[in-house]
């Protein structure tokens, strides 16, 4: 499973992109990144994530399904509850490295015309 245009797509479509592109696209969505950051602190149920992140159940479930399909998150069943957790703890090393790059560049990527933060609405 990979990402195209911010949406999950079957693995066959992601193959041409290369695994690294698919990985970074899977993490490029703010909601998925927030879920990953929360799961770094320990496993959680959907209800925990909805409450802690202030998101709708359907939104959390959709993004968890994407992260599961990408192999970054999985769950364990305990009775009728599912507890989600990161499958690859080294993912946090990657995110910490990204924070280091952002700090070193002064977060210049935020000014990138293609991928940066759109500040035009704030100046209107």
Protein backbone atom coordinates (compact mmCIF):
# COMPACT_ATOMS: atom_id res chain seq x y z
CA UNK A 1 0.00 0.00 0.00
CA UNK A 2 1.27 3.45 -0.86
CA UNK A 3 0.10 6.99 -1.16
CA UNK A 4 -0.84 8.99 -4.25
CA UNK A 5 -2.08 12.56 -3.94
CA UNK A 6 -2.43 12.14 -0.17
CA UNK A 7 -4.65 9.08 -0.49
CA UNK A 8 -3.94 5.41 0.11
CA UNK A 9 -3.61 3.38 -3.07
CA UNK A 10 -3.02 -0.32 -3.67
CA UNK A 11 0.58 -1.52 -3.62
CA UNK A 12 0.63 -2.11 -7.39
CA UNK A 13 0.22 1.63 -8.01
CA UNK A 14 2.92 2.49 -5.48
CA UNK A 15 5.54 0.15 -6.96
CA UNK A 16 6.52 2.60 -9.70
CA UNK A 17 7.08 5.37 -7.14
CA UNK A 18 9.68 3.55 -5.15
CA UNK A 19 9.37 2.45 -1.55
CA UNK A 20 10.94 5.60 -0.10
CA UNK A 21 8.47 7.87 -1.87
CA UNK A 22 5.57 5.73 -0.66
CA UNK A 23 6.91 5.82 2.91
CA UNK A 24 7.25 9.59 2.97
CA UNK A 25 3.88 10.09 1.35
CA UNK A 26 2.29 7.86 3.96
CA UNK A 27 3.73 10.18 6.61
CA UNK A 28 2.99 13.41 4.72
CA UNK A 29 -0.55 13.70 6.07
CA UNK A 30 -0.77 15.72 9.30
CA UNK A 31 -3.38 13.41 10.82
CA UNK A 32 -1.32 10.29 10.15
CA UNK A 33 1.77 11.99 11.55
CA UNK A 34 -0.15 12.94 14.70
CA UNK A 35 -1.35 9.36 15.08
CA UNK A 36 2.19 8.03 14.66
CA UNK A 37 3.50 10.53 17.22
CA UNK A 38 0.80 9.49 19.69
CA UNK A 39 1.45 5.78 19.15
CA UNK A 40 5.15 6.39 19.84
CA UNK A 41 4.08 6.95 23.45
CA UNK A 42 2.36 3.56 23.56
CA UNK A 43 -0.52 1.60 22.17
CA UNK A 44 -3.98 3.13 21.96
CA UNK A 45 -7.52 2.28 20.96
CA UNK A 46 -9.43 4.23 18.34
CA UNK A 47 -11.52 5.81 21.11
CA UNK A 48 -8.31 6.94 22.85
CA UNK A 49 -7.01 8.51 19.65
CA UNK A 50 -10.28 10.28 18.87
CA UNK A 51 -10.38 11.82 22.33
CA UNK A 52 -6.72 12.76 22.53
CA UNK A 53 -6.41 14.10 18.99
CA UNK A 54 -9.89 15.63 18.73
CA UNK A 55 -10.74 13.72 15.56
CA UNK A 56 -13.80 11.84 14.37
CA UNK A 57 -13.81 8.06 14.74
CA UNK A 58 -14.14 7.60 10.98
CA UNK A 59 -11.12 9.84 10.37
CA UNK A 60 -8.95 7.97 12.86
CA UNK A 61 -10.06 4.59 11.52
CA UNK A 62 -9.35 5.62 7.91
CA UNK A 63 -5.84 6.80 8.73
CA UNK A 64 -5.09 3.80 10.92
CA UNK A 65 -6.12 1.53 8.04
CA UNK A 66 -3.72 3.37 5.75
CA UNK A 67 -0.87 3.13 8.26
CA UNK A 68 -1.63 -0.58 8.73
CA UNK A 69 -1.61 -1.17 4.99
CA UNK A 70 1.76 0.57 4.80
CA UNK A 71 3.09 -1.75 7.52
CA UNK A 72 3.76 1.05 10.00
CA UNK A 73 1.00 0.25 12.49
CA UNK A 74 -0.74 -2.92 13.61
CA UNK A 75 -3.14 -3.90 16.33
CA UNK A 76 -3.74 -6.60 18.89
CA UNK A 77 -7.20 -7.70 19.85
CA UNK A 78 -8.14 -7.91 23.51
CA UNK A 79 -11.72 -9.08 23.71
CA UNK A 80 -13.78 -6.63 21.68
CA UNK A 81 -11.11 -3.94 21.78
CA UNK A 82 -8.24 -3.33 19.38
CA UNK A 83 -5.04 -1.76 20.62
CA UNK A 84 -2.94 -0.07 17.92
CA UNK A 85 0.84 0.27 18.09
CA UNK A 86 3.78 1.12 15.87
CA UNK A 87 5.27 -1.93 14.16
CA UNK A 88 8.64 -0.29 13.53
CA UNK A 89 10.11 1.66 16.48
CA UNK A 90 12.87 2.91 14.16
CA UNK A 91 10.21 5.06 12.54
CA UNK A 92 10.69 7.42 15.46
CA UNK A 93 14.42 7.66 14.63
CA UNK A 94 13.41 8.79 11.15
CA UNK A 95 11.05 11.43 12.55
CA UNK A 96 13.69 12.66 15.01
CA UNK A 97 16.15 12.94 12.12
CA UNK A 98 13.55 14.96 10.19
CA UNK A 99 13.20 17.30 13.17
CA UNK A 100 16.98 17.76 13.11
CA UNK A 101 16.92 18.62 9.41
CA UNK A 102 14.10 21.11 9.98
CA UNK A 103 16.02 22.72 12.82
CA UNK A 104 19.22 22.87 10.77
CA UNK A 105 17.49 24.51 7.81
CA UNK A 106 15.44 26.89 9.89
CA UNK A 107 12.34 25.02 8.69
CA UNK A 108 12.96 26.52 5.22
CA UNK A 109 10.80 23.77 3.73
CA UNK A 110 7.79 25.66 5.11
CA UNK A 111 8.57 28.37 2.54
CA UNK A 112 8.82 25.95 -0.37
CA UNK A 113 6.35 27.10 -3.08
CA UNK A 114 5.39 23.52 -3.94
CA UNK A 115 5.09 21.92 -0.49
CA UNK A 116 5.34 24.69 2.07
CA UNK A 117 2.72 26.17 4.31
CA UNK A 118 0.21 28.36 2.46
CA UNK A 119 0.31 31.69 4.26
CA UNK A 120 -1.62 33.61 1.60
CA UNK A 121 -4.94 33.07 3.38
CA UNK A 122 -3.49 34.52 6.57
CA UNK A 123 -2.44 37.72 4.82
CA UNK A 124 -5.79 38.43 3.22
